[in-house]
Amino acid sequence: MQINLTGHHVDLTDALRDYVNEKFAKLERHFDKVIDVHVVLTHEKNQTQHNKAEANLQVSGNHIHAEASHEDMYAAIDGLIDKVDRQLIKHKEKIKDHHRAEGAQRNREQAS
């Protein structure tokens, strides 16, 4: 998985880079067919939620977008990871082979 990290009005420190890489590496245990990830970290001065993290993922057969805001950048990244994780699990369930169950049901009907 290739992770591109961009910062808008944010200094991308090594700690932030390591934190994002560590969190996205954990997502691979749910779905290992993530091709490309683009993460944008933004600091917004004139809003109540000061930090925003958003991600665009290219997975096999789909694109996933998620974003999260929080006063703390690390909390925004955690919220983003939670949203992406839920979307990846949902995507994985959709691409499962559901036709196997139909075939088993058809075989039972023919045997009767």
N, C-alpha and C. Protein backbone atom coordinates (compact mmCIF):
# COMPACT_ATOMS: atom_id res chain seq x y z
N MET A 1 0.85 -1.17 0.00
CA MET A 1 0.00 0.00 0.00
C MET A 1 0.89 1.23 0.00
N GLN A 2 0.58 2.12 -0.91
CA GLN A 2 1.33 3.37 -1.03
C GLN A 2 0.55 4.48 -0.35
N ILE A 3 1.18 5.19 0.59
CA ILE A 3 0.51 6.26 1.32
C ILE A 3 1.16 7.59 0.94
N ASN A 4 0.34 8.51 0.40
CA ASN A 4 0.78 9.87 0.11
C ASN A 4 0.18 10.77 1.17
N LEU A 5 1.03 11.53 1.83
CA LEU A 5 0.59 12.40 2.93
C LEU A 5 0.85 13.85 2.54
N THR A 6 -0.19 14.68 2.64
CA THR A 6 -0.10 16.09 2.29
C THR A 6 -0.60 16.91 3.46
N GLY A 7 0.03 18.06 3.70
CA GLY A 7 -0.40 18.95 4.76
C GLY A 7 -0.74 20.32 4.22
N HIS A 8 -1.90 20.84 4.62
CA HIS A 8 -2.30 22.20 4.26
C HIS A 8 -2.26 23.03 5.55
N HIS A 9 -1.36 23.97 5.60
CA HIS A 9 -1.15 24.81 6.78
C HIS A 9 -0.74 23.97 8.00
N VAL A 10 -0.10 22.84 7.75
CA VAL A 10 0.35 21.94 8.80
C VAL A 10 1.78 21.52 8.49
N ASP A 11 2.65 21.58 9.49
CA ASP A 11 3.99 21.04 9.34
C ASP A 11 3.91 19.53 9.54
N LEU A 12 4.29 18.79 8.52
CA LEU A 12 4.25 17.33 8.62
C LEU A 12 5.53 16.85 9.30
N THR A 13 5.42 16.64 10.59
CA THR A 13 6.57 16.17 11.36
C THR A 13 6.71 14.67 11.17
N ASP A 14 7.86 14.16 11.56
CA ASP A 14 8.09 12.71 11.48
C ASP A 14 7.10 11.97 12.37
N ALA A 15 6.75 12.56 13.51
CA ALA A 15 5.80 11.92 14.42
C ALA A 15 4.43 11.77 13.76
N LEU A 16 3.97 12.82 13.05
CA LEU A 16 2.68 12.74 12.34
C LEU A 16 2.74 11.70 11.23
N ARG A 17 3.83 11.70 10.47
CA ARG A 17 3.99 10.72 9.38
C ARG A 17 3.97 9.30 9.93
N ASP A 18 4.72 9.06 11.00
CA ASP A 18 4.77 7.73 11.60
C ASP A 18 3.41 7.31 12.13
N TYR A 19 2.69 8.24 12.73
CA TYR A 19 1.37 7.95 13.30
C TYR A 19 0.39 7.54 12.19
N VAL A 20 0.38 8.29 11.09
CA VAL A 20 -0.51 7.97 9.98
C VAL A 20 -0.14 6.63 9.36
N ASN A 21 1.15 6.40 9.14
CA ASN A 21 1.59 5.14 8.55
C ASN A 21 1.24 3.96 9.45
N GLU A 22 1.43 4.11 10.75
CA GLU A 22 1.12 3.04 11.70
C GLU A 22 -0.37 2.72 11.70
N LYS A 23 -1.21 3.76 11.69
CA LYS A 23 -2.66 3.55 11.73
C LYS A 23 -3.17 2.90 10.44
N PHE A 24 -2.67 3.34 9.29
CA PHE A 24 -3.12 2.75 8.04
C PHE A 24 -2.58 1.34 7.86
N ALA A 25 -1.43 1.03 8.42
CA ALA A 25 -0.90 -0.34 8.35
C ALA A 25 -1.83 -1.30 9.09
N LYS A 26 -2.46 -0.84 10.17
CA LYS A 26 -3.38 -1.70 10.92
C LYS A 26 -4.63 -2.02 10.12
N LEU A 27 -4.99 -1.16 9.16
CA LEU A 27 -6.18 -1.41 8.35
C LEU A 27 -6.00 -2.61 7.42
N GLU A 28 -4.77 -2.94 7.12
CA GLU A 28 -4.52 -4.04 6.19
C GLU A 28 -4.96 -5.39 6.76
N ARG A 29 -5.15 -5.49 8.06
CA ARG A 29 -5.60 -6.77 8.61
C ARG A 29 -7.06 -7.04 8.26
N HIS A 30 -7.85 -5.99 7.96
CA HIS A 30 -9.24 -6.17 7.56
C HIS A 30 -9.36 -6.37 6.05
N PHE A 31 -8.57 -5.62 5.32
CA PHE A 31 -8.70 -5.66 3.86
C PHE A 31 -7.33 -5.37 3.27
N ASP A 32 -6.73 -6.35 2.62
CA ASP A 32 -5.35 -6.20 2.16
C ASP A 32 -5.23 -5.76 0.70
N LYS A 33 -6.33 -5.43 0.05
CA LYS A 33 -6.29 -5.05 -1.36
C LYS A 33 -6.38 -3.53 -1.54
N VAL A 34 -5.80 -2.78 -0.62
CA VAL A 34 -5.74 -1.32 -0.75
C VAL A 34 -4.55 -1.00 -1.65
N ILE A 35 -4.82 -0.28 -2.73
CA ILE A 35 -3.78 0.01 -3.71
C ILE A 35 -3.05 1.31 -3.39
N ASP A 36 -3.83 2.36 -3.16
CA ASP A 36 -3.24 3.69 -3.00
C ASP A 36 -4.04 4.47 -1.97
N VAL A 37 -3.34 5.25 -1.15
CA VAL A 37 -3.98 6.07 -0.12
C VAL A 37 -3.42 7.49 -0.23
N HIS A 38 -4.32 8.47 -0.24
CA HIS A 38 -3.89 9.87 -0.21
C HIS A 38 -4.54 10.52 1.00
N VAL A 39 -3.72 10.97 1.95
CA VAL A 39 -4.20 11.57 3.18
C VAL A 39 -3.85 13.05 3.17
N VAL A 40 -4.84 13.89 3.49
CA VAL A 40 -4.62 15.34 3.56
C VAL A 40 -4.94 15.78 4.99
N LEU A 41 -3.98 16.41 5.63
CA LEU A 41 -4.16 16.97 6.97
C LEU A 41 -4.23 18.48 6.83
N THR A 42 -5.30 19.08 7.39
CA THR A 42 -5.53 20.51 7.22
C THR A 42 -5.76 21.17 8.56
N HIS A 43 -5.21 22.37 8.72
CA HIS A 43 -5.49 23.18 9.91
C HIS A 43 -6.34 24.36 9.45
N GLU A 44 -7.55 24.46 10.01
CA GLU A 44 -8.48 25.53 9.65
C GLU A 44 -8.60 26.49 10.83
N LYS A 45 -8.30 27.75 10.60
CA LYS A 45 -8.24 28.71 11.69
C LYS A 45 -9.61 29.23 12.11
N ASN A 46 -10.53 29.43 11.17
CA ASN A 46 -11.77 30.12 11.52
C ASN A 46 -12.97 29.17 11.68
N GLN A 47 -12.74 27.96 12.14
CA GLN A 47 -13.83 27.04 12.42
C GLN A 47 -13.67 26.52 13.84
N THR A 48 -14.74 25.99 14.41
CA THR A 48 -14.66 25.47 15.77
C THR A 48 -13.81 24.21 15.83
N GLN A 49 -13.91 23.35 14.82
CA GLN A 49 -13.05 22.18 14.73
C GLN A 49 -11.79 22.62 13.97
N HIS A 50 -10.67 22.65 14.62
CA HIS A 50 -9.49 23.28 14.04
C HIS A 50 -8.70 22.39 13.10
N ASN A 51 -8.73 21.08 13.29
CA ASN A 51 -7.92 20.19 12.47
C ASN A 51 -8.81 19.20 11.73
N LYS A 52 -8.47 18.96 10.47
CA LYS A 52 -9.26 18.07 9.65
C LYS A 52 -8.33 17.07 8.98
N ALA A 53 -8.73 15.82 8.97
CA ALA A 53 -7.99 14.77 8.28
C ALA A 53 -8.94 14.13 7.28
N GLU A 54 -8.49 13.98 6.05
CA GLU A 54 -9.31 13.32 5.05
C GLU A 54 -8.45 12.37 4.24
N ALA A 55 -9.09 11.31 3.75
CA ALA A 55 -8.37 10.29 3.01
C ALA A 55 -9.17 9.83 1.81
N ASN A 56 -8.46 9.56 0.73
CA ASN A 56 -9.02 8.95 -0.46
C ASN A 56 -8.25 7.66 -0.67
N LEU A 57 -8.98 6.55 -0.69
CA LEU A 57 -8.35 5.24 -0.87
C LEU A 57 -8.81 4.64 -2.19
N GLN A 58 -7.87 4.06 -2.90
CA GLN A 58 -8.21 3.30 -4.09
C GLN A 58 -8.05 1.83 -3.72
N VAL A 59 -9.16 1.12 -3.70
CA VAL A 59 -9.15 -0.30 -3.39
C VAL A 59 -9.60 -1.05 -4.64
N SER A 60 -9.42 -2.35 -4.63
CA SER A 60 -9.79 -3.13 -5.81
C SER A 60 -11.28 -2.98 -6.07
N GLY A 61 -11.61 -2.31 -7.16
CA GLY A 61 -12.99 -2.17 -7.56
C GLY A 61 -13.73 -0.98 -7.00
N ASN A 62 -13.10 -0.10 -6.24
CA ASN A 62 -13.85 0.99 -5.63
C ASN A 62 -12.91 2.10 -5.17
N HIS A 63 -13.49 3.27 -4.90
CA HIS A 63 -12.79 4.38 -4.26
C HIS A 63 -13.52 4.68 -2.96
N ILE A 64 -12.76 4.96 -1.92
CA ILE A 64 -13.35 5.26 -0.61
C ILE A 64 -12.85 6.63 -0.18
N HIS A 65 -13.77 7.46 0.31
CA HIS A 65 -13.42 8.79 0.83
C HIS A 65 -13.99 8.92 2.24
N ALA A 66 -13.18 9.47 3.13
CA ALA A 66 -13.64 9.72 4.49
C ALA A 66 -12.92 10.96 5.02
N GLU A 67 -13.58 11.64 5.95
CA GLU A 67 -12.94 12.79 6.60
C GLU A 67 -13.45 12.90 8.02
N ALA A 68 -12.59 13.50 8.86
CA ALA A 68 -12.93 13.69 10.26
C ALA A 68 -12.28 14.98 10.75
N SER A 69 -12.96 15.67 11.68
CA SER A 69 -12.45 16.92 12.24
C SER A 69 -12.41 16.81 13.76
N HIS A 70 -11.42 17.47 14.34
CA HIS A 70 -11.30 17.52 15.79
C HIS A 70 -10.33 18.63 16.15
N GLU A 71 -10.35 19.04 17.39
CA GLU A 71 -9.42 20.08 17.83
C GLU A 71 -7.98 19.58 17.86
N ASP A 72 -7.81 18.29 18.13
CA ASP A 72 -6.48 17.68 18.16
C ASP A 72 -6.26 16.89 16.87
N MET A 73 -5.12 17.08 16.22
CA MET A 73 -4.85 16.42 14.94
C MET A 73 -4.81 14.90 15.09
N TYR A 74 -4.24 14.41 16.18
CA TYR A 74 -4.16 12.97 16.39
C TYR A 74 -5.55 12.36 16.57
N ALA A 75 -6.44 13.08 17.25
CA ALA A 75 -7.81 12.61 17.41
C ALA A 75 -8.54 12.64 16.07
N ALA A 76 -8.26 13.63 15.23
CA ALA A 76 -8.86 13.69 13.90
C ALA A 76 -8.40 12.49 13.06
N ILE A 77 -7.14 12.13 13.17
CA ILE A 77 -6.62 10.97 12.44
C ILE A 77 -7.28 9.69 12.95
N ASP A 78 -7.45 9.58 14.28
CA ASP A 78 -8.12 8.40 14.84
C ASP A 78 -9.56 8.29 14.34
N GLY A 79 -10.27 9.41 14.28
CA GLY A 79 -11.63 9.40 13.77
C GLY A 79 -11.68 9.01 12.30
N LEU A 80 -10.71 9.49 11.54
CA LEU A 80 -10.60 9.14 10.13
C LEU A 80 -10.37 7.64 9.96
N ILE A 81 -9.48 7.08 10.74
CA ILE A 81 -9.18 5.65 10.65
C ILE A 81 -10.42 4.83 10.98
N ASP A 82 -11.19 5.25 11.99
CA ASP A 82 -12.42 4.53 12.34
C ASP A 82 -13.40 4.52 11.17
N LYS A 83 -13.56 5.66 10.51
CA LYS A 83 -14.49 5.75 9.39
C LYS A 83 -14.02 4.91 8.21
N VAL A 84 -12.72 5.00 7.91
CA VAL A 84 -12.18 4.21 6.80
C VAL A 84 -12.29 2.72 7.09
N ASP A 85 -12.05 2.34 8.34
CA ASP A 85 -12.13 0.93 8.73
C ASP A 85 -13.55 0.40 8.50
N ARG A 86 -14.55 1.15 8.93
CA ARG A 86 -15.95 0.72 8.72
C ARG A 86 -16.26 0.59 7.23
N GLN A 87 -15.79 1.54 6.43
CA GLN A 87 -16.06 1.49 4.99
C GLN A 87 -15.35 0.32 4.33
N LEU A 88 -14.13 0.02 4.77
CA LEU A 88 -13.41 -1.12 4.20
C LEU A 88 -14.10 -2.43 4.53
N ILE A 89 -14.58 -2.57 5.75
CA ILE A 89 -15.28 -3.79 6.14
C ILE A 89 -16.55 -3.94 5.31
N LYS A 90 -17.28 -2.84 5.11
CA LYS A 90 -18.49 -2.87 4.31
C LYS A 90 -18.18 -3.25 2.86
N HIS A 91 -17.10 -2.68 2.32
CA HIS A 91 -16.69 -2.99 0.95
C HIS A 91 -16.30 -4.47 0.82
N LYS A 92 -15.61 -4.98 1.81
CA LYS A 92 -15.18 -6.38 1.79
C LYS A 92 -16.40 -7.31 1.79
N GLU A 93 -17.41 -6.97 2.59
CA GLU A 93 -18.62 -7.78 2.63
C GLU A 93 -19.36 -7.74 1.29
N LYS A 94 -19.33 -6.61 0.61
CA LYS A 94 -20.02 -6.49 -0.67
C LYS A 94 -19.36 -7.34 -1.75
N ILE A 95 -18.04 -7.44 -1.72
CA ILE A 95 -17.37 -8.16 -2.80
C ILE A 95 -17.23 -9.65 -2.54
N LYS A 96 -17.71 -10.13 -1.39
CA LYS A 96 -17.68 -11.56 -1.13
C LYS A 96 -18.53 -12.28 -2.17
N ASP A 97 -18.22 -13.54 -2.39
CA ASP A 97 -18.97 -14.32 -3.36
C ASP A 97 -20.26 -14.80 -2.73
N HIS A 98 -21.36 -14.12 -3.04
CA HIS A 98 -22.65 -14.49 -2.48
C HIS A 98 -23.34 -15.56 -3.33
N HIS A 99 -22.80 -15.84 -4.49
CA HIS A 99 -23.43 -16.80 -5.38
C HIS A 99 -23.25 -18.24 -4.90
N ARG A 100 -22.29 -18.49 -4.04
CA ARG A 100 -22.10 -19.83 -3.51
C ARG A 100 -23.32 -20.28 -2.73
N ALA A 101 -23.90 -19.40 -1.96
CA ALA A 101 -25.09 -19.73 -1.18
C ALA A 101 -26.26 -20.03 -2.10
N GLU A 102 -26.38 -19.28 -3.19
CA GLU A 102 -27.46 -19.53 -4.14
C GLU A 102 -27.30 -20.90 -4.78
N GLY A 103 -26.08 -21.27 -5.12
CA GLY A 103 -25.81 -22.58 -5.72
C GLY A 103 -26.14 -23.72 -4.77
N ALA A 104 -25.81 -23.57 -3.51
CA ALA A 104 -26.11 -24.60 -2.51
C ALA A 104 -27.62 -24.74 -2.35
N GLN A 105 -28.34 -23.63 -2.37
CA GLN A 105 -29.80 -23.68 -2.24
C GLN A 105 -30.40 -24.36 -3.46
N ARG A 106 -29.90 -24.07 -4.64
CA ARG A 106 -30.40 -24.67 -5.88
C ARG A 106 -30.16 -26.18 -5.87
N ASN A 107 -29.00 -26.61 -5.36
CA ASN A 107 -28.68 -28.03 -5.28
C ASN A 107 -29.65 -28.74 -4.34
N ARG A 108 -30.00 -28.10 -3.23
CA ARG A 108 -30.96 -28.69 -2.29
C ARG A 108 -32.34 -28.83 -2.92
N GLU A 109 -32.73 -27.82 -3.71
CA GLU A 109 -34.03 -27.87 -4.34
C GLU A 109 -34.10 -28.99 -5.39
N GLN A 110 -33.02 -29.20 -6.11
CA GLN A 110 -32.98 -30.24 -7.14
C GLN A 110 -32.98 -31.63 -6.50
N ALA A 111 -32.38 -31.76 -5.34
CA ALA A 111 -32.30 -33.05 -4.66
C ALA A 111 -33.67 -33.46 -4.10
N SER A 112 -34.54 -32.51 -3.86
CA SER A 112 -35.86 -32.81 -3.28
C SER A 112 -36.78 -33.45 -4.28
